[in-house]
């Protein structure tokens, strides 16, 4: 028992030092990361605005000050609007959150769009960023754009109807947003808040999932009594000898694009020491943009490990 307490104290101290170092690094780099995010949005805006634009003016959404839209003018005096570049958000993607920069004509028909963030299935939903699919939206009315299955004119991506519908939803969100900015739809609701935890990739409460995190030779995984969100499992071999434990921890951190929530399934030895063979498994798909979030990911991982270790105390 004394050795276990010493190990826990040692790991807690190491994690605290790592968290402090990460906090210092994050504080030193957050301004640069924010600048890179702004540059990415600016570049995307220019890419979706008409070539005739001579001046660009950034504007804020009165319902969501964290998002910036851009008005493109055909003259330097900014008297003639040539188009808009507007963020469009949706939480309806197959992989969670999708964020677009949508180019709109003054009449709210679509010029083009660029993907700012998405976690769709490779080879299927990830095709939302291909020029061929983006071209299907050109000159379509943004506010009412739909896939053909829903009575619209957009041919959905093969085997990715959910993603296609989500893109339509994000494009429509952009149209609502610029209407709100120009005071034409002040009562329109803002885009829904997105749960940064996203969705579970698998259910860690199932014994068969616990077995994947236990050493070879484990025959059974039995849930132990507890009050955590997910049970702690003990693995045993055919002779009934303990082979180790599995516990799930949740870690939170703040990155340049919002809160990051990571859930990990960790394996522990029979003496309840962390074991990284097999490697920890990520349980969820966070619904946030992952770009430039390495520091936040590490901080969330360390917090998840501490949370998993604390499960033994419950």
C-alpha atoms as a PDB file:
ATOM      1  CA  UNK A   1       0.000   0.000   0.000  1.00  0.00           C
ATOM      2  CA  UNK A   2       2.885   2.322   0.881  1.00  0.00           C
ATOM      3  CA  UNK A   3       4.512   1.675  -2.512  1.00  0.00           C
ATOM      4  CA  UNK A   4       1.249   2.419  -4.313  1.00  0.00           C
ATOM      5  CA  UNK A   5       0.878   5.734  -2.466  1.00  0.00           C
ATOM      6  CA  UNK A   6       4.503   6.632  -3.265  1.00  0.00           C
ATOM      7  CA  UNK A   7       3.917   5.844  -6.931  1.00  0.00           C
ATOM      8  CA  UNK A   8       0.740   7.919  -7.042  1.00  0.00           C
ATOM      9  CA  UNK A   9       2.487  10.844  -5.334  1.00  0.00           C
ATOM     10  CA  UNK A  10       5.425  10.596  -7.755  1.00  0.00           C
ATOM     11  CA  UNK A  11       3.166  10.520 -10.803  1.00  0.00           C
ATOM     12  CA  UNK A  12       1.095  13.396  -9.418  1.00  0.00           C
ATOM     13  CA  UNK A  13       4.258  15.489  -8.906  1.00  0.00           C
ATOM     14  CA  UNK A  14       5.539  14.674 -12.417  1.00  0.00           C
ATOM     15  CA  UNK A  15       2.148  15.550 -13.931  1.00  0.00           C
ATOM     16  CA  UNK A  16       2.017  18.809 -11.968  1.00  0.00           C
ATOM     17  CA  UNK A  17       5.471  19.809 -13.248  1.00  0.00           C
ATOM     18  CA  UNK A  18       4.486  18.869 -16.826  1.00  0.00           C
ATOM     19  CA  UNK A  19       1.252  20.851 -16.526  1.00  0.00           C
ATOM     20  CA  UNK A  20       3.176  23.896 -15.260  1.00  0.00           C
ATOM     21  CA  UNK A  21       5.653  23.675 -18.151  1.00  0.00           C
ATOM     22  CA  UNK A  22       2.797  23.297 -20.646  1.00  0.00           C
ATOM     23  CA  UNK A  23       1.019  26.303 -19.139  1.00  0.00           C
ATOM     24  CA  UNK A  24       4.174  28.418 -19.561  1.00  0.00           C
ATOM     25  CA  UNK A  25       4.650  27.256 -23.159  1.00  0.00           C
ATOM     26  CA  UNK A  26       0.967  27.837 -23.953  1.00  0.00           C
ATOM     27  CA  UNK A  27       1.099  31.345 -22.517  1.00  0.00           C
ATOM     28  CA  UNK A  28       4.186  32.111 -24.593  1.00  0.00           C
ATOM     29  CA  UNK A  29       2.713  30.800 -27.838  1.00  0.00           C
ATOM     30  CA  UNK A  30      -1.012  31.571 -27.592  1.00  0.00           C
ATOM     31  CA  UNK A  31      -0.666  34.980 -29.257  1.00  0.00           C
ATOM     32  CA  UNK A  32       1.215  33.457 -32.197  1.00  0.00           C
ATOM     33  CA  UNK A  33      -1.345  30.655 -32.467  1.00  0.00           C
ATOM     34  CA  UNK A  34      -4.183  33.183 -32.442  1.00  0.00           C
ATOM     35  CA  UNK A  35      -2.412  35.165 -35.152  1.00  0.00           C
ATOM     36  CA  UNK A  36      -2.033  32.024 -37.269  1.00  0.00           C
ATOM     37  CA  UNK A  37      -5.742  31.254 -36.851  1.00  0.00           C
ATOM     38  CA  UNK A  38      -6.579  34.812 -37.942  1.00  0.00           C
ATOM     39  CA  UNK A  39      -4.255  34.510 -40.936  1.00  0.00           C
ATOM     40  CA  UNK A  40      -5.915  31.225 -41.904  1.00  0.00           C
ATOM     41  CA  UNK A  41      -9.354  32.855 -41.796  1.00  0.00           C
ATOM     42  CA  UNK A  42      -8.123  35.873 -43.790  1.00  0.00           C
ATOM     43  CA  UNK A  43      -6.597  33.661 -46.476  1.00  0.00           C
ATOM     44  CA  UNK A  44      -9.783  31.587 -46.701  1.00  0.00           C
ATOM     45  CA  UNK A  45     -11.846  34.767 -47.019  1.00  0.00           C
ATOM     46  CA  UNK A  46      -9.788  36.031 -49.934  1.00  0.00           C
ATOM     47  CA  UNK A  47     -10.011  32.631 -51.611  1.00  0.00           C
ATOM     48  CA  UNK A  48     -13.835  32.624 -51.646  1.00  0.00           C
ATOM     49  CA  UNK A  49     -14.431  36.284 -52.521  1.00  0.00           C
ATOM     50  CA  UNK A  50     -14.769  37.453 -56.148  1.00  0.00           C
ATOM     51  CA  UNK A  51     -11.553  38.379 -57.961  1.00  0.00           C
ATOM     52  CA  UNK A  52     -13.002  41.879 -58.478  1.00  0.00           C
ATOM     53  CA  UNK A  53     -12.766  42.694 -54.760  1.00  0.00           C
ATOM     54  CA  UNK A  54     -10.428  45.625 -54.083  1.00  0.00           C
ATOM     55  CA  UNK A  55     -11.069  46.217 -50.383  1.00  0.00           C
ATOM     56  CA  UNK A  56     -12.049  43.907 -47.521  1.00  0.00           C
ATOM     57  CA  UNK A  57     -13.650  44.939 -44.237  1.00  0.00           C
ATOM     58  CA  UNK A  58     -13.887  42.547 -41.245  1.00  0.00           C
ATOM     59  CA  UNK A  59     -17.166  42.600 -39.299  1.00  0.00           C
ATOM     60  CA  UNK A  60     -18.337  40.825 -36.146  1.00  0.00           C
ATOM     61  CA  UNK A  61     -21.491  38.790 -35.677  1.00  0.00           C
ATOM     62  CA  UNK A  62     -23.545  40.558 -32.974  1.00  0.00           C
ATOM     63  CA  UNK A  63     -24.691  37.159 -31.676  1.00  0.00           C
ATOM     64  CA  UNK A  64     -21.185  35.599 -31.615  1.00  0.00           C
ATOM     65  CA  UNK A  65     -18.309  38.043 -31.240  1.00  0.00           C
ATOM     66  CA  UNK A  66     -15.739  35.238 -31.531  1.00  0.00           C
ATOM     67  CA  UNK A  67     -16.435  34.901 -35.267  1.00  0.00           C
ATOM     68  CA  UNK A  68     -15.365  37.351 -37.947  1.00  0.00           C
ATOM     69  CA  UNK A  69     -17.004  37.752 -41.360  1.00  0.00           C
ATOM     70  CA  UNK A  70     -15.618  39.804 -44.234  1.00  0.00           C
ATOM     71  CA  UNK A  71     -17.311  42.209 -46.633  1.00  0.00           C
ATOM     72  CA  UNK A  72     -15.630  42.520 -50.016  1.00  0.00           C
ATOM     73  CA  UNK A  73     -15.962  45.792 -51.936  1.00  0.00           C
ATOM     74  CA  UNK A  74     -15.523  46.380 -55.661  1.00  0.00           C
ATOM     75  CA  UNK A  75     -13.979  49.812 -55.014  1.00  0.00           C
ATOM     76  CA  UNK A  76     -11.383  51.213 -52.634  1.00  0.00           C
ATOM     77  CA  UNK A  77     -13.934  53.692 -51.252  1.00  0.00           C
ATOM     78  CA  UNK A  78     -16.049  50.758 -50.027  1.00  0.00           C
ATOM     79  CA  UNK A  79     -19.267  51.933 -51.613  1.00  0.00           C
ATOM     80  CA  UNK A  80     -20.118  48.877 -53.727  1.00  0.00           C
ATOM     81  CA  UNK A  81     -20.367  45.426 -52.155  1.00  0.00           C
ATOM     82  CA  UNK A  82     -19.006  42.662 -54.396  1.00  0.00           C
ATOM     83  CA  UNK A  83     -19.487  39.753 -51.998  1.00  0.00           C
ATOM     84  CA  UNK A  84     -19.097  38.314 -48.524  1.00  0.00           C
ATOM     85  CA  UNK A  85     -16.869  35.736 -46.837  1.00  0.00           C
ATOM     86  CA  UNK A  86     -18.754  34.355 -43.853  1.00  0.00           C
ATOM     87  CA  UNK A  87     -18.035  31.562 -41.344  1.00  0.00           C
ATOM     88  CA  UNK A  88     -20.627  28.789 -41.443  1.00  0.00           C
ATOM     89  CA  UNK A  89     -20.852  26.302 -38.566  1.00  0.00           C
ATOM     90  CA  UNK A  90     -22.702  23.063 -37.967  1.00  0.00           C
ATOM     91  CA  UNK A  91     -22.565  20.242 -35.436  1.00  0.00           C
ATOM     92  CA  UNK A  92     -24.326  17.809 -37.782  1.00  0.00           C
ATOM     93  CA  UNK A  93     -21.282  16.319 -39.507  1.00  0.00           C
ATOM     94  CA  UNK A  94     -20.660  12.574 -39.346  1.00  0.00           C
ATOM     95  CA  UNK A  95     -17.493  13.326 -37.380  1.00  0.00           C
ATOM     96  CA  UNK A  96     -18.958  16.225 -35.402  1.00  0.00           C
ATOM     97  CA  UNK A  97     -18.266  19.917 -35.953  1.00  0.00           C
ATOM     98  CA  UNK A  98     -17.757  21.337 -39.458  1.00  0.00           C
ATOM     99  CA  UNK A  99     -16.556  24.912 -39.962  1.00  0.00           C
ATOM    100  CA  UNK A 100     -16.520  26.570 -43.379  1.00  0.00           C
ATOM    101  CA  UNK A 101     -15.602  29.947 -44.805  1.00  0.00           C
ATOM    102  CA  UNK A 102     -18.421  30.563 -47.291  1.00  0.00           C
ATOM    103  CA  UNK A 103     -18.235  33.034 -50.157  1.00  0.00           C
ATOM    104  CA  UNK A 104     -21.573  34.695 -50.939  1.00  0.00           C
ATOM    105  CA  UNK A 105     -22.730  37.084 -53.642  1.00  0.00           C
ATOM    106  CA  UNK A 106     -24.719  40.172 -52.530  1.00  0.00           C
ATOM    107  CA  UNK A 107     -27.921  38.252 -53.365  1.00  0.00           C
ATOM    108  CA  UNK A 108     -26.823  35.463 -50.952  1.00  0.00           C
ATOM    109  CA  UNK A 109     -26.081  32.901 -53.658  1.00  0.00           C
ATOM    110  CA  UNK A 110     -22.969  30.805 -53.121  1.00  0.00           C
ATOM    111  CA  UNK A 111     -19.646  31.678 -54.742  1.00  0.00           C
ATOM    112  CA  UNK A 112     -17.555  28.933 -53.137  1.00  0.00           C
ATOM    113  CA  UNK A 113     -16.374  27.740 -49.724  1.00  0.00           C
ATOM    114  CA  UNK A 114     -13.242  26.548 -47.977  1.00  0.00           C
ATOM    115  CA  UNK A 115     -13.112  24.021 -45.130  1.00  0.00           C
ATOM    116  CA  UNK A 116     -11.632  25.471 -41.950  1.00  0.00           C
ATOM    117  CA  UNK A 117     -12.244  22.416 -39.754  1.00  0.00           C
ATOM    118  CA  UNK A 118     -13.822  18.989 -40.184  1.00  0.00           C
ATOM    119  CA  UNK A 119     -13.298  15.424 -38.973  1.00  0.00           C
ATOM    120  CA  UNK A 120     -15.220  13.486 -41.601  1.00  0.00           C
ATOM    121  CA  UNK A 121     -14.485   9.927 -42.740  1.00  0.00           C
ATOM    122  CA  UNK A 122     -11.348   9.728 -44.964  1.00  0.00           C
ATOM    123  CA  UNK A 123     -12.194   8.941 -48.585  1.00  0.00           C
ATOM    124  CA  UNK A 124     -15.910   9.600 -48.064  1.00  0.00           C
ATOM    125  CA  UNK A 125     -17.053  12.616 -46.055  1.00  0.00           C
ATOM    126  CA  UNK A 126     -13.578  14.142 -46.321  1.00  0.00           C
ATOM    127  CA  UNK A 127     -14.394  14.770 -49.995  1.00  0.00           C
ATOM    128  CA  UNK A 128     -16.384  17.816 -48.867  1.00  0.00           C
ATOM    129  CA  UNK A 129     -13.226  19.841 -49.621  1.00  0.00           C
ATOM    130  CA  UNK A 130     -12.802  18.641 -53.210  1.00  0.00           C
ATOM    131  CA  UNK A 131     -13.299  21.269 -55.975  1.00  0.00           C
ATOM    132  CA  UNK A 132     -15.850  19.015 -57.719  1.00  0.00           C
ATOM    133  CA  UNK A 133     -18.144  18.913 -54.686  1.00  0.00           C
ATOM    134  CA  UNK A 134     -17.685  22.591 -53.827  1.00  0.00           C
ATOM    135  CA  UNK A 135     -18.633  23.481 -57.428  1.00  0.00           C
ATOM    136  CA  UNK A 136     -22.083  21.903 -56.884  1.00  0.00           C
ATOM    137  CA  UNK A 137     -22.941  24.816 -54.569  1.00  0.00           C
ATOM    138  CA  UNK A 138     -22.018  27.602 -57.004  1.00  0.00           C
ATOM    139  CA  UNK A 139     -24.899  30.063 -57.612  1.00  0.00           C
ATOM    140  CA  UNK A 140     -27.235  28.120 -55.288  1.00  0.00           C
ATOM    141  CA  UNK A 141     -29.299  30.181 -52.773  1.00  0.00           C
ATOM    142  CA  UNK A 142     -27.352  29.703 -49.545  1.00  0.00           C
ATOM    143  CA  UNK A 143     -30.270  30.042 -47.130  1.00  0.00           C
ATOM    144  CA  UNK A 144     -32.241  27.163 -48.651  1.00  0.00           C
ATOM    145  CA  UNK A 145     -29.557  24.899 -50.092  1.00  0.00           C
ATOM    146  CA  UNK A 146     -30.370  21.171 -49.721  1.00  0.00           C
ATOM    147  CA  UNK A 147     -29.283  17.786 -51.055  1.00  0.00           C
ATOM    148  CA  UNK A 148     -31.477  16.126 -53.692  1.00  0.00           C
ATOM    149  CA  UNK A 149     -32.775  13.581 -51.151  1.00  0.00           C
ATOM    150  CA  UNK A 150     -34.274  16.507 -49.235  1.00  0.00           C
ATOM    151  CA  UNK A 151     -35.766  18.188 -52.299  1.00  0.00           C
ATOM    152  CA  UNK A 152     -32.778  20.374 -53.155  1.00  0.00           C
ATOM    153  CA  UNK A 153     -30.301  20.517 -56.035  1.00  0.00           C
ATOM    154  CA  UNK A 154     -27.069  19.376 -54.381  1.00  0.00           C
ATOM    155  CA  UNK A 155     -26.017  15.862 -55.357  1.00  0.00           C
ATOM    156  CA  UNK A 156     -24.703  14.284 -52.145  1.00  0.00           C
ATOM    157  CA  UNK A 157     -21.249  12.764 -51.853  1.00  0.00           C
ATOM    158  CA  UNK A 158     -21.247   9.009 -52.476  1.00  0.00           C
ATOM    159  CA  UNK A 159     -21.866   7.161 -49.182  1.00  0.00           C
ATOM    160  CA  UNK A 160     -21.653  10.464 -47.293  1.00  0.00           C
ATOM    161  CA  UNK A 161     -25.155  11.929 -47.238  1.00  0.00           C
ATOM    162  CA  UNK A 162     -24.797  12.998 -43.601  1.00  0.00           C
ATOM    163  CA  UNK A 163     -21.693  15.027 -44.432  1.00  0.00           C
ATOM    164  CA  UNK A 164     -23.384  16.539 -47.497  1.00  0.00           C
ATOM    165  CA  UNK A 165     -26.388  17.611 -45.438  1.00  0.00           C
ATOM    166  CA  UNK A 166     -24.044  19.095 -42.834  1.00  0.00           C
ATOM    167  CA  UNK A 167     -22.270  21.182 -45.472  1.00  0.00           C
ATOM    168  CA  UNK A 168     -25.665  22.504 -46.606  1.00  0.00           C
ATOM    169  CA  UNK A 169     -26.446  23.365 -42.984  1.00  0.00           C
ATOM    170  CA  UNK A 170     -23.134  25.234 -42.578  1.00  0.00           C
ATOM    171  CA  UNK A 171     -23.703  27.170 -45.818  1.00  0.00           C
ATOM    172  CA  UNK A 172     -27.199  28.151 -44.642  1.00  0.00           C
ATOM    173  CA  UNK A 173     -25.712  29.211 -41.302  1.00  0.00           C
ATOM    174  CA  UNK A 174     -23.377  31.577 -43.160  1.00  0.00           C
ATOM    175  CA  UNK A 175     -26.345  33.168 -44.945  1.00  0.00           C
ATOM    176  CA  UNK A 176     -28.177  33.669 -41.640  1.00  0.00           C
ATOM    177  CA  UNK A 177     -25.050  35.118 -40.105  1.00  0.00           C
ATOM    178  CA  UNK A 178     -24.521  37.839 -42.735  1.00  0.00           C
ATOM    179  CA  UNK A 179     -28.226  38.712 -42.573  1.00  0.00           C
ATOM    180  CA  UNK A 180     -27.847  39.134 -38.835  1.00  0.00           C
ATOM    181  CA  UNK A 181     -24.716  41.267 -39.256  1.00  0.00           C
ATOM    182  CA  UNK A 182     -26.506  43.579 -41.677  1.00  0.00           C
ATOM    183  CA  UNK A 183     -29.565  43.811 -39.422  1.00  0.00           C
ATOM    184  CA  UNK A 184     -31.874  41.912 -41.770  1.00  0.00           C
ATOM    185  CA  UNK A 185     -32.505  39.083 -39.342  1.00  0.00           C
ATOM    186  CA  UNK A 186     -31.716  40.405 -35.876  1.00  0.00           C
ATOM    187  CA  UNK A 187     -33.997  37.851 -34.256  1.00  0.00           C
ATOM    188  CA  UNK A 188     -32.359  34.876 -35.967  1.00  0.00           C
ATOM    189  CA  UNK A 189     -30.741  32.483 -33.482  1.00  0.00           C
ATOM    190  CA  UNK A 190     -27.002  32.097 -33.334  1.00  0.00           C
ATOM    191  CA  UNK A 191     -25.397  28.822 -34.311  1.00  0.00           C
ATOM    192  CA  UNK A 192     -25.899  26.212 -31.572  1.00  0.00           C
ATOM    193  CA  UNK A 193     -23.171  25.754 -29.016  1.00  0.00           C
ATOM    194  CA  UNK A 194     -21.176  22.629 -29.755  1.00  0.00           C
ATOM    195  CA  UNK A 195     -20.283  20.109 -27.070  1.00  0.00           C
ATOM    196  CA  UNK A 196     -16.451  20.010 -27.213  1.00  0.00           C
ATOM    197  CA  UNK A 197     -16.502  16.391 -26.029  1.00  0.00           C
ATOM    198  CA  UNK A 198     -17.892  15.321 -29.396  1.00  0.00           C
ATOM    199  CA  UNK A 199     -18.940  11.696 -29.658  1.00  0.00           C
ATOM    200  CA  UNK A 200     -17.727   8.369 -28.269  1.00  0.00           C
ATOM    201  CA  UNK A 201     -15.733   6.215 -30.662  1.00  0.00           C
ATOM    202  CA  UNK A 202     -16.555   3.126 -28.610  1.00  0.00           C
ATOM    203  CA  UNK A 203     -18.299   2.275 -25.343  1.00  0.00           C
ATOM    204  CA  UNK A 204     -15.641   1.732 -22.650  1.00  0.00           C
ATOM    205  CA  UNK A 205     -18.281   0.300 -20.290  1.00  0.00           C
ATOM    206  CA  UNK A 206     -18.283  -2.951 -22.277  1.00  0.00           C
ATOM    207  CA  UNK A 207     -16.024  -5.770 -20.967  1.00  0.00           C
ATOM    208  CA  UNK A 208     -14.910  -6.652 -24.502  1.00  0.00           C
ATOM    209  CA  UNK A 209     -13.486  -3.135 -24.888  1.00  0.00           C
ATOM    210  CA  UNK A 210     -11.676  -3.425 -21.551  1.00  0.00           C
ATOM    211  CA  UNK A 211     -10.042  -6.669 -22.727  1.00  0.00           C
ATOM    212  CA  UNK A 212      -8.361  -4.740 -25.557  1.00  0.00           C
ATOM    213  CA  UNK A 213      -6.492  -2.635 -22.991  1.00  0.00           C
ATOM    214  CA  UNK A 214      -5.426  -5.595 -20.822  1.00  0.00           C
ATOM    215  CA  UNK A 215      -2.272  -7.741 -21.273  1.00  0.00           C
ATOM    216  CA  UNK A 216      -2.215 -10.892 -23.376  1.00  0.00           C
ATOM    217  CA  UNK A 217      -3.397 -13.913 -21.441  1.00  0.00           C
ATOM    218  CA  UNK A 218      -6.312 -12.069 -19.847  1.00  0.00           C
ATOM    219  CA  UNK A 219      -9.398 -14.274 -19.984  1.00  0.00           C
ATOM    220  CA  UNK A 220     -12.054 -12.102 -18.345  1.00  0.00           C
ATOM    221  CA  UNK A 221     -12.722  -8.451 -17.496  1.00  0.00           C
ATOM    222  CA  UNK A 222     -15.012  -7.794 -14.527  1.00  0.00           C
ATOM    223  CA  UNK A 223     -16.423  -4.385 -13.589  1.00  0.00           C
ATOM    224  CA  UNK A 224     -15.617  -3.291 -10.043  1.00  0.00           C
ATOM    225  CA  UNK A 225     -18.094  -1.387  -7.840  1.00  0.00           C
ATOM    226  CA  UNK A 226     -17.701   2.369  -8.240  1.00  0.00           C
ATOM    227  CA  UNK A 227     -19.371   5.712  -8.885  1.00  0.00           C
ATOM    228  CA  UNK A 228     -17.410   6.899 -11.898  1.00  0.00           C
ATOM    229  CA  UNK A 229     -18.910   7.692 -15.290  1.00  0.00           C
ATOM    230  CA  UNK A 230     -17.334   4.495 -16.635  1.00  0.00           C
ATOM    231  CA  UNK A 231     -16.567   1.356 -14.614  1.00  0.00           C
ATOM    232  CA  UNK A 232     -13.111   0.177 -13.599  1.00  0.00           C
ATOM    233  CA  UNK A 233     -12.425  -3.348 -14.858  1.00  0.00           C
ATOM    234  CA  UNK A 234     -10.170  -5.986 -13.357  1.00  0.00           C
ATOM    235  CA  UNK A 235      -8.668  -8.530 -15.733  1.00  0.00           C
ATOM    236  CA  UNK A 236      -7.973 -12.128 -14.715  1.00  0.00           C
ATOM    237  CA  UNK A 237      -6.307 -15.028 -16.476  1.00  0.00           C
ATOM    238  CA  UNK A 238      -7.758 -18.526 -16.836  1.00  0.00           C
ATOM    239  CA  UNK A 239      -6.491 -19.447 -13.356  1.00  0.00           C
ATOM    240  CA  UNK A 240      -8.261 -16.477 -11.774  1.00  0.00           C
ATOM    241  CA  UNK A 241      -5.091 -14.466 -11.176  1.00  0.00           C
ATOM    242  CA  UNK A 242      -5.285 -10.704 -11.647  1.00  0.00           C
ATOM    243  CA  UNK A 243      -3.569  -9.470 -14.833  1.00  0.00           C
ATOM    244  CA  UNK A 244      -4.300  -5.783 -14.445  1.00  0.00           C
ATOM    245  CA  UNK A 245      -6.966  -3.092 -14.479  1.00  0.00           C
ATOM    246  CA  UNK A 246      -8.609  -0.717 -16.932  1.00  0.00           C
ATOM    247  CA  UNK A 247      -9.878   2.741 -15.969  1.00  0.00           C
ATOM    248  CA  UNK A 248     -11.168   5.672 -18.023  1.00  0.00           C
ATOM    249  CA  UNK A 249     -10.170   9.276 -17.394  1.00  0.00           C
ATOM    250  CA  UNK A 250     -11.485  12.588 -18.737  1.00  0.00           C
ATOM    251  CA  UNK A 251      -9.161  15.538 -19.286  1.00  0.00           C
ATOM    252  CA  UNK A 252      -9.997  19.145 -20.197  1.00  0.00           C
ATOM    253  CA  UNK A 253      -7.807  21.932 -21.519  1.00  0.00           C
ATOM    254  CA  UNK A 254      -8.227  25.255 -23.318  1.00  0.00           C
ATOM    255  CA  UNK A 255      -6.787  25.753 -26.786  1.00  0.00           C
ATOM    256  CA  UNK A 256      -6.937  28.550 -29.378  1.00  0.00           C
ATOM    257  CA  UNK A 257     -10.264  27.227 -30.709  1.00  0.00           C
ATOM    258  CA  UNK A 258     -12.007  26.605 -27.386  1.00  0.00           C
ATOM    259  CA  UNK A 259     -12.247  23.931 -24.742  1.00  0.00           C
ATOM    260  CA  UNK A 260     -10.809  20.516 -25.573  1.00  0.00           C
ATOM    261  CA  UNK A 261     -12.213  17.422 -23.836  1.00  0.00           C
ATOM    262  CA  UNK A 262     -10.334  14.148 -24.254  1.00  0.00           C
ATOM    263  CA  UNK A 263     -11.409  10.799 -22.801  1.00  0.00           C
ATOM    264  CA  UNK A 264      -8.809   8.017 -22.598  1.00  0.00           C
ATOM    265  CA  UNK A 265      -8.948   4.364 -21.590  1.00  0.00           C
ATOM    266  CA  UNK A 266      -5.815   3.463 -19.605  1.00  0.00           C
ATOM    267  CA  UNK A 267      -4.408   0.097 -18.635  1.00  0.00           C
ATOM    268  CA  UNK A 268      -2.874  -0.556 -15.210  1.00  0.00           C
ATOM    269  CA  UNK A 269      -0.746  -3.419 -13.910  1.00  0.00           C
ATOM    270  CA  UNK A 270      -1.946  -5.866 -11.285  1.00  0.00           C
ATOM    271  CA  UNK A 271      -0.214  -3.568  -8.755  1.00  0.00           C
ATOM    272  CA  UNK A 272      -2.260  -0.647 -10.105  1.00  0.00           C
ATOM    273  CA  UNK A 273       0.646   1.141 -11.732  1.00  0.00           C
ATOM    274  CA  UNK A 274       0.015   2.795 -15.147  1.00  0.00           C
ATOM    275  CA  UNK A 275       0.841   0.459 -18.006  1.00  0.00           C
ATOM    276  CA  UNK A 276       1.399   1.657 -21.568  1.00  0.00           C
ATOM    277  CA  UNK A 277       1.414  -1.760 -23.217  1.00  0.00           C
ATOM    278  CA  UNK A 278      -1.106  -1.818 -24.877  1.00  0.00           C
ATOM    279  CA  UNK A 279      -1.087   1.933 -25.457  1.00  0.00           C
ATOM    280  CA  UNK A 280      -3.887   4.132 -24.005  1.00  0.00           C
ATOM    281  CA  UNK A 281      -6.934   4.324 -26.287  1.00  0.00           C
ATOM    282  CA  UNK A 282      -8.731   7.563 -27.164  1.00  0.00           C
ATOM    283  CA  UNK A 283     -12.424   7.048 -26.357  1.00  0.00           C
ATOM    284  CA  UNK A 284     -13.976  10.119 -27.995  1.00  0.00           C
ATOM    285  CA  UNK A 285     -13.773  12.365 -31.056  1.00  0.00           C
ATOM    286  CA  UNK A 286     -13.627  15.950 -29.698  1.00  0.00           C
ATOM    287  CA  UNK A 287     -15.912  18.317 -31.623  1.00  0.00           C
ATOM    288  CA  UNK A 288     -13.403  21.153 -31.929  1.00  0.00           C
ATOM    289  CA  UNK A 289     -10.854  22.223 -34.479  1.00  0.00           C
ATOM    290  CA  UNK A 290      -7.633  20.365 -33.677  1.00  0.00           C
ATOM    291  CA  UNK A 291      -5.274  22.695 -35.574  1.00  0.00           C
ATOM    292  CA  UNK A 292      -2.421  24.033 -33.406  1.00  0.00           C
ATOM    293  CA  UNK A 293      -3.835  22.361 -30.275  1.00  0.00           C
ATOM    294  CA  UNK A 294      -0.868  20.145 -29.413  1.00  0.00           C
ATOM    295  CA  UNK A 295      -0.207  21.832 -26.052  1.00  0.00           C
ATOM    296  CA  UNK A 296      -3.869  21.615 -25.077  1.00  0.00           C
ATOM    297  CA  UNK A 297      -3.956  17.952 -26.114  1.00  0.00           C
ATOM    298  CA  UNK A 298      -0.989  17.133 -23.881  1.00  0.00           C
ATOM    299  CA  UNK A 299      -2.511  18.991 -20.942  1.00  0.00           C
ATOM    300  CA  UNK A 300      -5.842  17.186 -21.448  1.00  0.00           C
ATOM    301  CA  UNK A 301      -4.037  13.828 -21.691  1.00  0.00           C
ATOM    302  CA  UNK A 302      -2.208  14.391 -18.387  1.00  0.00           C
ATOM    303  CA  UNK A 303      -5.468  15.412 -16.717  1.00  0.00           C
ATOM    304  CA  UNK A 304      -7.172  12.295 -18.107  1.00  0.00           C
ATOM    305  CA  UNK A 305      -4.435  10.067 -16.663  1.00  0.00           C
ATOM    306  CA  UNK A 306      -4.818  11.657 -13.237  1.00  0.00           C
ATOM    307  CA  UNK A 307      -8.598  11.226 -13.449  1.00  0.00           C
ATOM    308  CA  UNK A 308      -8.213   7.549 -14.387  1.00  0.00           C
ATOM    309  CA  UNK A 309      -5.879   6.954 -11.433  1.00  0.00           C
ATOM    310  CA  UNK A 310      -8.352   8.603  -9.095  1.00  0.00           C
ATOM    311  CA  UNK A 311     -11.006   6.059 -10.107  1.00  0.00           C
ATOM    312  CA  UNK A 312      -9.345   3.519  -7.811  1.00  0.00           C
ATOM    313  CA  UNK A 313     -10.179   5.734  -4.846  1.00  0.00           C
ATOM    314  CA  UNK A 314     -13.931   5.883  -5.563  1.00  0.00           C
END
